[in-house]
């Protein structure tokens, strides 16, 4: 393979990798996308977060739009030195909520969830939802406005 073609392909691969990393860090994540696939499937009536995840967790928390990085870090116990590496946005964007998954006392996953993929209610203050209660009924108000309603009310924090 000619050297210039090899360099061009390598540069293209690097650009695609960097844009994918940027999207993962700052945009809705894979779980949000999987929820959206379920919501857009007319035959689906529920979303079970336990079936859409491949990592260990026993509870999750929803942070509402506008929640600051500092508030999320304080809630999950991330110190100032680690906060920016864990939460890569200054505040949850207005069209998203943040989902934080934990196992025992350890954070196992944090990502943004696009409200267009189904609206999850955020508790104030944030409340932990146990894995057993992470099954939601799909309520389609319109094709653009879909609510995910808890089948089992979440327990107190």
Protein backbone atom coordinates (compact mmCIF):
# COMPACT_ATOMS: atom_id res chain seq x y z
CA UNK A 1 0.00 0.00 0.00
CA UNK A 2 1.48 3.39 -0.93
CA UNK A 3 2.67 5.40 2.04
CA UNK A 4 0.38 8.41 1.35
CA UNK A 5 -2.70 6.20 1.11
CA UNK A 6 -1.72 4.43 4.33
CA UNK A 7 -1.28 7.81 6.08
CA UNK A 8 -4.62 9.05 4.76
CA UNK A 9 -6.43 5.93 6.00
CA UNK A 10 -4.70 6.19 9.36
CA UNK A 11 -5.72 9.86 9.66
CA UNK A 12 -9.32 9.03 8.73
CA UNK A 13 -9.44 6.23 11.31
CA UNK A 14 -8.02 8.56 13.97
CA UNK A 15 -10.61 11.27 13.16
CA UNK A 16 -13.46 8.75 13.34
CA UNK A 17 -12.16 7.38 16.63
CA UNK A 18 -11.83 10.84 18.16
CA UNK A 19 -15.31 11.88 17.02
CA UNK A 20 -16.76 8.66 18.42
CA UNK A 21 -15.02 9.27 21.74
CA UNK A 22 -16.32 12.83 21.80
CA UNK A 23 -19.86 11.63 21.08
CA UNK A 24 -19.71 9.04 23.85
CA UNK A 25 -18.32 11.54 26.34
CA UNK A 26 -20.71 14.39 25.57
CA UNK A 27 -23.80 12.92 23.94
CA UNK A 28 -26.38 10.27 24.77
CA UNK A 29 -24.83 6.88 25.43
CA UNK A 30 -25.50 3.33 24.32
CA UNK A 31 -28.14 2.64 26.98
CA UNK A 32 -30.06 5.73 25.86
CA UNK A 33 -29.87 4.49 22.28
CA UNK A 34 -31.14 1.05 23.32
CA UNK A 35 -34.01 2.65 25.26
CA UNK A 36 -34.83 4.69 22.14
CA UNK A 37 -34.91 1.53 20.00
CA UNK A 38 -37.40 -0.02 22.44
CA UNK A 39 -39.54 3.13 22.55
CA UNK A 40 -39.70 3.31 18.74
CA UNK A 41 -40.72 -0.34 18.44
CA UNK A 42 -44.54 -0.19 18.22
CA UNK A 43 -44.83 -3.71 19.66
CA UNK A 44 -42.86 -2.85 22.81
CA UNK A 45 -44.87 -1.99 25.93
CA UNK A 46 -42.07 -1.91 28.52
CA UNK A 47 -38.39 -1.06 28.88
CA UNK A 48 -36.36 -3.20 31.29
CA UNK A 49 -33.06 -1.43 32.01
CA UNK A 50 -31.59 -4.63 33.45
CA UNK A 51 -31.88 -6.28 30.02
CA UNK A 52 -30.33 -3.31 28.21
CA UNK A 53 -27.14 -3.21 30.29
CA UNK A 54 -24.11 -5.50 30.28
CA UNK A 55 -22.40 -4.28 33.47
CA UNK A 56 -23.13 -4.91 37.13
CA UNK A 57 -25.49 -2.58 39.00
CA UNK A 58 -28.07 -2.81 41.75
CA UNK A 59 -29.53 0.72 41.54
CA UNK A 60 -29.52 3.82 39.39
CA UNK A 61 -30.19 7.52 39.81
CA UNK A 62 -31.64 10.02 37.33
CA UNK A 63 -30.28 13.59 37.38
CA UNK A 64 -32.56 16.19 35.82
CA UNK A 65 -31.57 18.60 33.02
CA UNK A 66 -29.43 21.46 34.30
CA UNK A 67 -27.89 19.49 37.18
CA UNK A 68 -24.31 20.69 37.56
CA UNK A 69 -21.22 18.53 37.35
CA UNK A 70 -20.42 19.49 40.94
CA UNK A 71 -23.85 18.34 42.19
CA UNK A 72 -23.51 14.98 40.40
CA UNK A 73 -19.97 14.51 41.74
CA UNK A 74 -21.06 15.40 45.27
CA UNK A 75 -23.92 12.88 45.08
CA UNK A 76 -21.76 10.04 43.74
CA UNK A 77 -18.86 10.94 46.04
CA UNK A 78 -16.34 11.83 43.32
CA UNK A 79 -13.65 14.15 44.65
CA UNK A 80 -12.68 17.36 42.92
CA UNK A 81 -9.58 15.76 41.35
CA UNK A 82 -11.60 12.99 39.68
CA UNK A 83 -14.86 14.81 38.96
CA UNK A 84 -13.93 16.15 35.51
CA UNK A 85 -12.80 12.72 34.35
CA UNK A 86 -16.06 11.11 35.44
CA UNK A 87 -18.56 13.82 34.45
CA UNK A 88 -17.41 15.34 31.16
CA UNK A 89 -20.00 18.11 30.88
CA UNK A 90 -20.49 21.19 33.07
CA UNK A 91 -24.24 20.58 33.43
CA UNK A 92 -26.76 18.06 32.14
CA UNK A 93 -28.01 19.46 28.80
CA UNK A 94 -31.66 20.63 28.62
CA UNK A 95 -32.65 17.76 26.30
CA UNK A 96 -31.12 15.03 28.48
CA UNK A 97 -31.02 13.50 31.93
CA UNK A 98 -27.94 11.83 33.39
CA UNK A 99 -28.15 8.18 34.46
CA UNK A 100 -25.75 6.97 37.16
CA UNK A 101 -25.59 3.24 37.84
CA UNK A 102 -24.04 1.81 41.01
CA UNK A 103 -23.22 -1.57 42.49
CA UNK A 104 -22.92 -1.56 46.28
CA UNK A 105 -21.03 1.68 46.95
CA UNK A 106 -19.26 1.89 43.57
CA UNK A 107 -20.29 3.87 40.49
CA UNK A 108 -20.28 1.43 37.57
CA UNK A 109 -21.61 3.59 34.72
CA UNK A 110 -22.63 7.18 34.01
CA UNK A 111 -24.14 8.45 30.78
CA UNK A 112 -26.51 11.00 29.29
CA UNK A 113 -29.96 9.85 28.24
CA UNK A 114 -31.74 11.83 25.51
CA UNK A 115 -35.31 12.76 26.49
CA UNK A 116 -36.26 12.08 22.85
CA UNK A 117 -35.57 8.40 23.65
CA UNK A 118 -38.15 8.40 26.45
CA UNK A 119 -38.69 10.74 29.37
CA UNK A 120 -37.60 9.39 32.75
CA UNK A 121 -38.68 11.40 35.76
CA UNK A 122 -35.87 12.68 37.96
CA UNK A 123 -36.53 12.76 41.67
CA UNK A 124 -35.72 15.84 43.75
CA UNK A 125 -33.42 15.24 45.51
CA UNK A 126 -32.18 12.37 43.32
CA UNK A 127 -33.47 9.01 44.52
CA UNK A 128 -31.97 5.60 43.93
CA UNK A 129 -34.11 3.24 41.89
CA UNK A 130 -33.38 -0.42 42.64
CA UNK A 131 -32.71 -2.72 39.69
CA UNK A 132 -35.88 -4.69 40.45
CA UNK A 133 -37.91 -1.47 39.94
CA UNK A 134 -36.13 -0.52 36.69
CA UNK A 135 -38.92 -1.79 34.44
CA UNK A 136 -40.91 1.01 32.84
CA UNK A 137 -44.18 1.11 30.92
CA UNK A 138 -43.95 2.95 27.64
CA UNK A 139 -46.58 5.69 27.48
CA UNK A 140 -46.70 7.24 24.01
CA UNK A 141 -48.30 10.69 24.22
CA UNK A 142 -47.16 11.51 20.67
CA UNK A 143 -44.42 10.00 18.51
CA UNK A 144 -42.03 12.70 19.80
CA UNK A 145 -43.21 12.68 23.42
CA UNK A 146 -42.85 9.32 25.13
CA UNK A 147 -42.87 8.81 28.90
CA UNK A 148 -41.32 5.88 30.74
CA UNK A 149 -43.49 5.22 33.78
CA UNK A 150 -42.19 3.16 36.67
CA UNK A 151 -44.15 -0.06 37.16
CA UNK A 152 -42.95 -0.26 40.75
CA UNK A 153 -42.56 2.99 42.70
CA UNK A 154 -38.90 3.63 43.64
CA UNK A 155 -37.94 3.30 47.27
CA UNK A 156 -36.79 6.21 49.38
CA UNK A 157 -33.06 7.10 49.24
